[in-house]
Amino acid sequence: MSADINKLEQIASQVRRDIVRMVHACQSGHPGGSLGCTDYFVALYFYAMKHDPSFNMDGVGEDLFFLSNGHISPVFYSTLAHAGYFPASELSTFRKMDSRLQGHPTTHEGLPGIRIASGSLGQGLSVAIGAAQAKKLNKDSSLVYVLMGDGELQEGQVWEAAMYAPHNKMDNIIAAIDYNGAQIDGSTEDVLSLGNLRAKWEAFGWDVLDVEQGNDMTSVIRGLDEAKSRSGKGKPVMILLHTKMGNGVDFMMGSHKWHGIAPNDEQLASALAQNAETLGDY
């Protein structure tokens, strides 16, 4: 399947608009990481994954995705809406009382596309490995994807899961790390250095690849294609996705300060001016 890069970039532009509008409307949320991962989410749901928006929790015969760093829910919700899981108009309820679109994704609200409650960092990889193992037991050849933040790797449970997957030859999982070097309190280097991530994951037995331009749609597509080509060969696959926090909004880009604050009216207008309305605002 070939990718229509222009179409994917148009979707990404709308998703970025949704993100800043959602967070601005409730004056709460996490725009920085959401913007940084927009290209990955769009490439995943509109190109790489085999999935069904009618949504069945079991996901038999389709690829699954788990978001571990659940605070970047705005990009997840917008992507799901535009992929047909629920009406885009529901994005206007983000973080409001009785909304299905909680600040961190939850399952008890029954929102299509959400398979786990996430946001308690460090847990997503373990869940994804469990789902991948279930697919193997059920002789389901579909893939399981999971995204983690780089600051999240400071959680110990991640490394328990990192040992488990290669030991059990979980070669049907493709994990990705949003490698932007920033977390809520500053740079990951200053808070708790991650060291050489490639060497670490390879030492645990993962097949690791770098996507150096994680905010370039063509590069992300190539990275996902390469990751899929490496699956099924005895090792779990890890993508180091090099992104910029706040990508697509100039005053947010590269700053950890936009991890979890909302733009004001003037900042919203500036952000929207930088991202064209391509699918219609909700």
Protein backbone atom coordinates (compact mmCIF):
# COMPACT_ATOMS: atom_id res chain seq x y z
CA MET A 1 0.00 0.00 0.00
CA SER A 2 1.42 3.36 -0.99
CA ALA A 3 0.99 6.42 1.19
CA ASP A 4 -0.63 9.65 -0.02
CA ILE A 5 1.71 11.96 1.86
CA ASN A 6 -0.19 15.12 0.95
CA LYS A 7 -3.46 13.68 2.26
CA LEU A 8 -1.80 12.49 5.48
CA GLU A 9 -0.24 15.92 6.03
CA GLN A 10 -3.65 17.55 5.56
CA ILE A 11 -5.14 15.27 8.19
CA ALA A 12 -2.23 16.06 10.52
CA SER A 13 -2.84 19.80 10.10
CA GLN A 14 -6.46 19.36 11.19
CA VAL A 15 -5.45 17.19 14.13
CA ARG A 16 -3.04 19.88 15.32
CA ARG A 17 -5.88 22.43 15.12
CA ASP A 18 -8.11 20.13 17.13
CA ILE A 19 -5.43 19.68 19.80
CA VAL A 20 -4.94 23.37 20.51
CA ARG A 21 -8.68 24.10 20.32
CA MET A 22 -9.53 21.27 22.72
CA VAL A 23 -6.94 22.27 25.30
CA HIS A 24 -7.77 25.97 24.97
CA ALA A 25 -11.51 25.42 25.41
CA CYS A 26 -11.16 23.83 28.85
CA GLN A 27 -7.90 25.60 29.75
CA SER A 28 -6.43 22.25 30.71
CA GLY A 29 -4.51 19.43 29.05
CA HIS A 30 -1.25 18.51 27.41
CA PRO A 31 -0.62 20.14 24.02
CA GLY A 32 3.18 19.72 23.74
CA GLY A 33 3.50 15.96 23.45
CA SER A 34 0.23 15.72 21.52
CA LEU A 35 1.54 18.03 18.80
CA GLY A 36 4.88 16.23 18.73
CA CYS A 37 3.23 12.86 18.07
CA THR A 38 0.63 14.01 15.53
CA ASP A 39 2.48 12.69 12.48
CA TYR A 40 2.97 9.30 14.12
CA PHE A 41 -0.71 8.94 15.04
CA VAL A 42 -1.91 9.97 11.59
CA ALA A 43 0.54 7.65 9.84
CA LEU A 44 -0.47 4.82 12.16
CA TYR A 45 -4.25 5.11 11.83
CA PHE A 46 -4.49 6.28 8.23
CA TYR A 47 -1.72 4.17 6.72
CA ALA A 48 0.02 1.48 8.74
CA MET A 49 -2.60 -0.17 10.92
CA LYS A 50 -5.26 -2.66 9.91
CA HIS A 51 -8.17 -1.59 12.14
CA ASP A 52 -11.95 -1.35 12.24
CA PRO A 53 -13.62 1.89 13.44
CA SER A 54 -16.81 -0.03 14.26
CA PHE A 55 -14.69 -1.19 17.21
CA ASN A 56 -14.73 -4.46 19.05
CA MET A 57 -12.82 -4.57 22.32
CA ASP A 58 -11.26 -7.96 21.51
CA GLY A 59 -9.79 -6.70 18.21
CA VAL A 60 -9.59 -10.17 16.70
CA GLY A 61 -8.01 -10.11 13.26
CA GLU A 62 -6.95 -6.47 13.46
CA ASP A 63 -3.93 -4.53 14.64
CA LEU A 64 -4.16 -3.00 18.11
CA PHE A 65 -2.75 0.23 19.52
CA PHE A 66 -2.12 1.12 23.15
CA LEU A 67 -1.23 4.61 24.34
CA SER A 68 0.92 4.38 27.46
CA ASN A 69 1.59 8.09 28.00
CA GLY A 70 -2.13 8.79 28.30
CA HIS A 71 -1.75 12.50 29.01
CA ILE A 72 -1.37 13.11 25.27
CA SER A 73 -5.01 12.12 24.88
CA PRO A 74 -5.89 15.14 22.66
CA VAL A 75 -3.96 13.72 19.69
CA PHE A 76 -5.42 10.27 20.33
CA TYR A 77 -9.01 11.52 20.50
CA SER A 78 -8.71 13.70 17.41
CA THR A 79 -7.13 10.88 15.39
CA LEU A 80 -9.82 8.41 16.45
CA ALA A 81 -12.57 10.87 15.57
CA HIS A 82 -11.25 11.57 12.09
CA ALA A 83 -10.67 7.85 11.55
CA GLY A 84 -14.38 7.28 12.13
CA TYR A 85 -14.53 5.89 15.68
CA PHE A 86 -16.88 8.63 16.94
CA PRO A 87 -18.14 12.01 15.66
CA ALA A 88 -15.59 14.81 15.60
CA SER A 89 -18.19 17.06 17.23
CA GLU A 90 -17.61 15.14 20.47
CA LEU A 91 -14.12 16.65 20.66
CA SER A 92 -15.81 19.79 22.01
CA THR A 93 -16.54 17.91 25.25
CA PHE A 94 -12.87 17.25 26.08
CA ARG A 95 -12.21 17.29 29.85
CA LYS A 96 -15.75 18.47 30.63
CA MET A 97 -18.10 16.95 33.19
CA ASP A 98 -19.76 13.71 32.05
CA SER A 99 -17.64 13.63 28.87
CA ARG A 100 -16.34 10.38 27.43
CA LEU A 101 -13.17 12.31 26.55
CA GLN A 102 -11.46 12.42 29.91
CA GLY A 103 -8.07 14.07 30.37
CA HIS A 104 -6.55 10.59 30.47
CA PRO A 105 -8.30 7.87 28.44
CA THR A 106 -10.63 5.57 30.34
CA THR A 107 -12.61 2.49 29.33
CA HIS A 108 -15.63 2.76 31.63
CA GLU A 109 -17.07 5.56 29.50
CA GLY A 110 -17.24 3.20 26.51
CA LEU A 111 -15.40 5.46 24.07
CA PRO A 112 -14.69 3.50 20.86
CA GLY A 113 -10.99 3.03 20.19
CA ILE A 114 -9.94 3.03 23.86
CA ARG A 115 -8.86 -0.38 25.12
CA ILE A 116 -7.15 0.56 28.39
CA ALA A 117 -7.20 3.36 30.92
CA SER A 118 -3.78 4.97 30.66
CA GLY A 119 -1.79 7.79 32.09
CA SER A 120 -0.34 6.08 35.12
CA LEU A 121 3.01 5.98 33.42
CA GLY A 122 5.02 2.84 32.76
CA GLN A 123 2.18 0.39 32.24
CA GLY A 124 1.39 0.48 28.52
CA LEU A 125 4.23 -1.72 27.30
CA SER A 126 3.22 -4.50 29.70
CA VAL A 127 -0.38 -4.35 28.49
CA ALA A 128 0.67 -4.36 24.85
CA ILE A 129 2.92 -7.37 25.38
CA GLY A 130 0.01 -9.19 27.01
CA ALA A 131 -2.19 -8.44 24.02
CA ALA A 132 0.57 -9.56 21.64
CA GLN A 133 0.98 -12.81 23.54
CA ALA A 134 -2.79 -13.40 23.39
CA LYS A 135 -2.69 -12.93 19.62
CA LYS A 136 0.06 -15.54 19.35
CA LEU A 137 -1.91 -17.99 21.48
CA ASN A 138 -4.97 -17.39 19.30
CA LYS A 139 -2.93 -17.73 16.09
CA ASP A 140 -3.88 -14.18 15.13
CA SER A 141 -1.16 -12.77 12.86
CA SER A 142 -2.07 -9.11 13.46
CA LEU A 143 0.35 -6.67 15.09
CA VAL A 144 0.25 -4.77 18.36
CA TYR A 145 1.56 -1.19 18.56
CA VAL A 146 2.31 0.83 21.69
CA LEU A 147 3.61 4.38 22.26
CA MET A 148 5.53 5.52 25.33
CA GLY A 149 7.07 8.84 26.32
CA ASP A 150 10.81 9.07 26.89
CA GLY A 151 10.40 10.50 30.40
CA GLU A 152 8.17 7.51 31.09
CA LEU A 153 11.20 5.24 30.76
CA GLN A 154 12.18 6.38 34.23
CA GLU A 155 9.46 4.00 35.48
CA GLY A 156 10.82 0.59 36.52
CA GLN A 157 7.94 -1.46 35.11
CA VAL A 158 9.03 -0.52 31.59
CA TRP A 159 12.25 -2.45 32.02
CA GLU A 160 10.52 -5.54 33.40
CA ALA A 161 8.45 -5.56 30.23
CA ALA A 162 11.57 -4.88 28.17
CA MET A 163 13.04 -8.15 29.48
CA TYR A 164 9.86 -10.17 29.07
CA ALA A 165 9.15 -9.48 25.40
CA PRO A 166 12.45 -10.71 23.89
CA HIS A 167 12.59 -13.70 26.25
CA ASN A 168 9.20 -14.79 24.92
CA LYS A 169 10.02 -13.89 21.30
CA MET A 170 7.18 -11.38 21.05
CA ASP A 171 7.96 -10.46 17.46
CA ASN A 172 4.43 -9.22 16.76
CA ILE A 173 4.83 -6.05 18.80
CA ILE A 174 6.07 -2.70 17.48
CA ALA A 175 6.77 -0.26 20.31
CA ALA A 176 7.68 3.38 19.86
CA ILE A 177 9.21 5.97 22.16
CA ASP A 178 8.39 9.65 21.73
CA TYR A 179 12.01 10.70 21.99
CA ASN A 180 11.70 14.47 22.43
CA GLY A 181 14.09 14.82 25.35
CA ALA A 182 11.58 16.78 27.44
CA GLN A 183 9.30 16.05 30.38
CA ILE A 184 7.21 18.10 32.76
CA ASP A 185 10.13 19.27 34.94
CA GLY A 186 12.68 19.93 32.20
CA SER A 187 14.93 17.94 29.91
CA THR A 188 15.20 14.20 30.43
CA GLU A 189 18.95 14.67 30.54
CA ASP A 190 18.66 16.95 33.57
CA VAL A 191 15.86 15.10 35.39
CA LEU A 192 17.22 11.57 34.98
CA SER A 193 19.46 10.79 32.02
CA LEU A 194 18.28 7.99 29.75
CA GLY A 195 21.77 7.31 28.47
CA ASN A 196 22.12 5.46 25.18
CA LEU A 197 18.58 4.24 24.51
CA ARG A 198 19.48 2.25 21.42
CA ALA A 199 22.20 0.36 23.29
CA LYS A 200 19.87 -0.27 26.24
CA TRP A 201 17.02 -1.74 24.18
CA GLU A 202 19.38 -3.75 22.00
CA ALA A 203 21.00 -5.17 25.14
CA PHE A 204 17.57 -6.35 26.26
CA GLY A 205 17.13 -8.12 22.91
CA TRP A 206 14.98 -5.71 20.90
CA ASP A 207 15.41 -4.88 17.22
CA VAL A 208 15.82 -1.09 17.33
CA LEU A 209 15.44 1.49 14.57
CA ASP A 210 15.66 5.27 14.66
CA VAL A 211 13.27 7.64 12.91
CA GLU A 212 15.42 10.75 13.05
CA GLN A 213 12.72 13.04 11.67
CA GLY A 214 9.68 12.01 13.66
CA ASN A 215 7.78 15.12 12.57
CA ASP A 216 8.24 14.51 8.87
CA MET A 217 5.42 12.39 7.46
CA THR A 218 7.53 10.71 4.79
CA SER A 219 10.15 9.70 7.37
CA VAL A 220 7.50 8.36 9.76
CA ILE A 221 5.91 6.29 6.98
CA ARG A 222 9.28 4.84 6.03
CA GLY A 223 10.00 4.06 9.67
CA LEU A 224 6.70 2.24 10.14
CA ASP A 225 7.25 0.29 6.92
CA GLU A 226 10.71 -0.72 8.10
CA ALA A 227 9.39 -1.72 11.52
CA LYS A 228 6.69 -3.91 9.97
CA SER A 229 9.28 -5.57 7.72
CA ARG A 230 11.32 -6.50 10.80
CA SER A 231 8.36 -8.03 12.67
CA GLY A 232 7.88 -11.79 12.72
CA LYS A 233 11.60 -12.48 12.91
CA GLY A 234 11.98 -13.52 16.52
CA LYS A 235 12.46 -10.12 18.18
CA PRO A 236 10.15 -7.33 19.32
CA VAL A 237 10.70 -4.10 17.41
CA MET A 238 11.40 -0.70 18.96
CA ILE A 239 11.13 2.63 17.13
CA LEU A 240 13.04 5.58 18.58
CA LEU A 241 10.87 8.38 17.24
CA HIS A 242 12.82 11.64 17.40
CA THR A 243 10.25 14.43 17.73
CA LYS A 244 9.94 18.00 18.95
CA MET A 245 7.52 18.83 21.72
CA GLY A 246 4.94 21.30 20.41
CA ASN A 247 5.75 20.62 16.76
CA GLY A 248 3.75 22.75 14.32
CA VAL A 249 3.27 25.69 16.68
CA ASP A 250 6.37 27.87 16.68
CA PHE A 251 6.15 29.27 20.20
CA MET A 252 5.63 25.78 21.68
CA MET A 253 8.29 23.88 19.75
CA GLY A 254 11.09 22.36 21.79
CA SER A 255 9.94 23.73 25.13
CA HIS A 256 9.03 21.47 28.06
CA LYS A 257 6.99 24.36 29.42
CA TRP A 258 4.19 23.37 27.04
CA HIS A 259 4.00 19.86 28.45
CA GLY A 260 0.80 20.60 30.32
CA ILE A 261 -0.46 24.17 29.97
CA ALA A 262 -3.16 25.63 27.71
CA PRO A 263 -2.77 28.52 25.25
CA ASN A 264 -4.60 31.78 25.89
CA ASP A 265 -6.82 33.41 23.26
CA GLU A 266 -3.98 35.21 21.50
CA GLN A 267 -1.77 32.13 21.49
CA LEU A 268 -4.63 30.01 20.14
CA ALA A 269 -5.13 32.41 17.24
CA SER A 270 -1.40 32.20 16.43
CA ALA A 271 -1.40 28.40 16.60
CA LEU A 272 -4.43 28.12 14.32
CA ALA A 273 -2.90 30.52 11.81
CA GLN A 274 0.03 28.11 11.49
CA ASN A 275 -2.12 25.04 10.80
CA ALA A 276 -4.63 25.09 7.98
CA GLU A 277 -8.22 23.94 8.48
CA THR A 278 -8.38 21.00 6.09
CA LEU A 279 -11.22 18.76 7.29
CA GLY A 280 -13.41 21.37 8.96
CA ASP A 281 -13.24 22.41 12.59
CA TYR A 282 -15.62 20.61 14.92
